[in-house]
Amino acid sequence: MGGRRFQHPKWPKGSYFAPTLLVDVTNAMEISQVEVFGPVVVVMKFKTDQEAIDITNNCPYGLGGSVFSRDVERAERIVSKLRTGNKKLKRKKIK
């Protein structure tokens, strides 16, 4: 979704990128191994917690990581294993 150049009306000579969502990305793809400076979200599928941890820790940069879960203990266990500079744990109680 997205993935095209954006022509800013005020700064037409600038290099802008429309907000983009990339899905079905794998670790073999370059986009999963580089820093992207733009409004780009990469979505990678996983089956187990360990696979999610391995995917995250496979990137050489590891600037930040977030875990969203209703299960606080599980999320804390995952966050503790991430090799990232900045870690965020999002908890939400569902009634």
C-alpha atoms as a PDB file:
ATOM      1  CA  MET A   1       0.000   0.000   0.000  1.00  0.00           C
ATOM      2  CA  GLY A   2       1.480   3.352  -0.911  1.00  0.00           C
ATOM      3  CA  GLY A   3       5.023   3.020  -2.228  1.00  0.00           C
ATOM      4  CA  ARG A   4       5.064   5.990  -4.526  1.00  0.00           C
ATOM      5  CA  ARG A   5       6.815   9.312  -4.617  1.00  0.00           C
ATOM      6  CA  PHE A   6       4.902  12.202  -3.090  1.00  0.00           C
ATOM      7  CA  GLN A   7       4.941  15.582  -4.786  1.00  0.00           C
ATOM      8  CA  HIS A   8       4.806  18.187  -2.021  1.00  0.00           C
ATOM      9  CA  PRO A   9       2.940  21.285  -3.263  1.00  0.00           C
ATOM     10  CA  LYS A  10       5.143  23.697  -1.293  1.00  0.00           C
ATOM     11  CA  TRP A  11       8.518  21.974  -1.938  1.00  0.00           C
ATOM     12  CA  PRO A  12       8.230  20.257  -5.355  1.00  0.00           C
ATOM     13  CA  LYS A  13      12.009  19.660  -5.668  1.00  0.00           C
ATOM     14  CA  GLY A  14      12.195  17.681  -2.419  1.00  0.00           C
ATOM     15  CA  SER A  15      12.407  13.908  -2.140  1.00  0.00           C
ATOM     16  CA  TYR A  16       9.269  12.668  -0.403  1.00  0.00           C
ATOM     17  CA  PHE A  17       7.704   9.246  -0.089  1.00  0.00           C
ATOM     18  CA  ALA A  18       4.012   8.534   0.494  1.00  0.00           C
ATOM     19  CA  PRO A  19       3.195   6.542   3.657  1.00  0.00           C
ATOM     20  CA  THR A  20       3.793   2.899   2.764  1.00  0.00           C
ATOM     21  CA  LEU A  21       2.881  -0.459   4.283  1.00  0.00           C
ATOM     22  CA  LEU A  22       4.995  -3.439   3.187  1.00  0.00           C
ATOM     23  CA  VAL A  23       3.528  -6.867   4.037  1.00  0.00           C
ATOM     24  CA  ASP A  24       4.818 -10.441   3.786  1.00  0.00           C
ATOM     25  CA  VAL A  25       8.395  -9.232   4.254  1.00  0.00           C
ATOM     26  CA  THR A  26      11.039 -11.858   5.103  1.00  0.00           C
ATOM     27  CA  ASN A  27      14.541 -11.632   6.594  1.00  0.00           C
ATOM     28  CA  ALA A  28      15.941 -12.426   3.136  1.00  0.00           C
ATOM     29  CA  MET A  29      14.629  -9.108   1.796  1.00  0.00           C
ATOM     30  CA  GLU A  30      16.877  -6.059   1.884  1.00  0.00           C
ATOM     31  CA  ILE A  31      14.112  -3.903   3.397  1.00  0.00           C
ATOM     32  CA  SER A  32      14.260  -6.005   6.586  1.00  0.00           C
ATOM     33  CA  GLN A  33      17.988  -5.369   7.034  1.00  0.00           C
ATOM     34  CA  VAL A  34      18.329  -1.618   6.455  1.00  0.00           C
ATOM     35  CA  GLU A  35      17.254   1.574   8.148  1.00  0.00           C
ATOM     36  CA  VAL A  36      14.417   3.257   6.297  1.00  0.00           C
ATOM     37  CA  PHE A  37      14.114   6.999   6.803  1.00  0.00           C
ATOM     38  CA  GLY A  38      10.545   7.570   5.732  1.00  0.00           C
ATOM     39  CA  PRO A  39       6.946   6.771   6.535  1.00  0.00           C
ATOM     40  CA  VAL A  40       7.358   3.028   5.922  1.00  0.00           C
ATOM     41  CA  VAL A  41       6.039   0.161   8.054  1.00  0.00           C
ATOM     42  CA  VAL A  42       7.343  -3.355   7.488  1.00  0.00           C
ATOM     43  CA  VAL A  43       5.130  -6.286   8.546  1.00  0.00           C
ATOM     44  CA  MET A  44       6.718  -9.685   9.083  1.00  0.00           C
ATOM     45  CA  LYS A  45       4.790 -12.811  10.081  1.00  0.00           C
ATOM     46  CA  PHE A  46       5.875 -15.208  12.821  1.00  0.00           C
ATOM     47  CA  LYS A  47       4.451 -18.347  14.427  1.00  0.00           C
ATOM     48  CA  THR A  48       6.193 -18.500  17.807  1.00  0.00           C
ATOM     49  CA  ASP A  49       7.502 -15.988  20.312  1.00  0.00           C
ATOM     50  CA  GLN A  50      11.041 -17.221  19.684  1.00  0.00           C
ATOM     51  CA  GLU A  51      10.634 -16.695  15.944  1.00  0.00           C
ATOM     52  CA  ALA A  52       9.524 -13.099  16.577  1.00  0.00           C
ATOM     53  CA  ILE A  53      12.554 -12.547  18.822  1.00  0.00           C
ATOM     54  CA  ASP A  54      14.876 -14.052  16.198  1.00  0.00           C
ATOM     55  CA  ILE A  55      13.393 -11.865  13.443  1.00  0.00           C
ATOM     56  CA  THR A  56      13.891  -8.755  15.575  1.00  0.00           C
ATOM     57  CA  ASN A  57      17.411  -9.640  16.655  1.00  0.00           C
ATOM     58  CA  ASN A  58      18.472 -10.533  13.094  1.00  0.00           C
ATOM     59  CA  CYS A  59      18.581  -6.870  12.034  1.00  0.00           C
ATOM     60  CA  PRO A  60      22.069  -5.381  12.535  1.00  0.00           C
ATOM     61  CA  TYR A  61      20.706  -1.989  13.651  1.00  0.00           C
ATOM     62  CA  GLY A  62      18.159  -2.773  16.359  1.00  0.00           C
ATOM     63  CA  LEU A  63      17.334   0.848  17.116  1.00  0.00           C
ATOM     64  CA  GLY A  64      13.942   0.140  18.644  1.00  0.00           C
ATOM     65  CA  GLY A  65      11.351  -2.518  19.216  1.00  0.00           C
ATOM     66  CA  SER A  66       7.786  -2.628  20.504  1.00  0.00           C
ATOM     67  CA  VAL A  67       5.685  -5.464  21.871  1.00  0.00           C
ATOM     68  CA  PHE A  68       1.901  -5.177  22.020  1.00  0.00           C
ATOM     69  CA  SER A  69       0.111  -7.824  24.091  1.00  0.00           C
ATOM     70  CA  ARG A  70      -2.734  -8.454  26.492  1.00  0.00           C
ATOM     71  CA  ASP A  71      -0.499 -10.978  28.299  1.00  0.00           C
ATOM     72  CA  VAL A  72       1.886  -8.805  30.329  1.00  0.00           C
ATOM     73  CA  GLU A  73       4.151 -11.633  31.521  1.00  0.00           C
ATOM     74  CA  ARG A  74       4.558 -12.963  27.983  1.00  0.00           C
ATOM     75  CA  ALA A  75       5.290  -9.467  26.642  1.00  0.00           C
ATOM     76  CA  GLU A  76       7.863  -8.790  29.361  1.00  0.00           C
ATOM     77  CA  ARG A  77       9.567 -12.120  28.599  1.00  0.00           C
ATOM     78  CA  ILE A  78       9.774 -11.193  24.900  1.00  0.00           C
ATOM     79  CA  VAL A  79      10.958  -7.616  25.517  1.00  0.00           C
ATOM     80  CA  SER A  80      13.736  -8.872  27.809  1.00  0.00           C
ATOM     81  CA  LYS A  81      15.186 -10.906  24.913  1.00  0.00           C
ATOM     82  CA  LEU A  82      15.173  -8.135  22.285  1.00  0.00           C
ATOM     83  CA  ARG A  83      18.560  -6.693  21.364  1.00  0.00           C
ATOM     84  CA  THR A  84      17.408  -3.155  20.639  1.00  0.00           C
ATOM     85  CA  GLY A  85      18.462   0.220  21.944  1.00  0.00           C
ATOM     86  CA  ASN A  86      14.932   1.320  22.761  1.00  0.00           C
ATOM     87  CA  LYS A  87      12.228  -1.076  23.963  1.00  0.00           C
ATOM     88  CA  LYS A  88       8.536  -0.360  24.389  1.00  0.00           C
ATOM     89  CA  LEU A  89       5.928  -2.556  26.005  1.00  0.00           C
ATOM     90  CA  LYS A  90       2.300  -1.664  25.336  1.00  0.00           C
ATOM     91  CA  ARG A  91      -0.179  -3.147  27.776  1.00  0.00           C
ATOM     92  CA  LYS A  92      -3.899  -2.861  27.472  1.00  0.00           C
ATOM     93  CA  LYS A  93      -6.505  -4.403  29.685  1.00  0.00           C
ATOM     94  CA  ILE A  94      -9.496  -5.676  27.782  1.00  0.00           C
ATOM     95  CA  LYS A  95     -12.735  -6.000  29.712  1.00  0.00           C
END
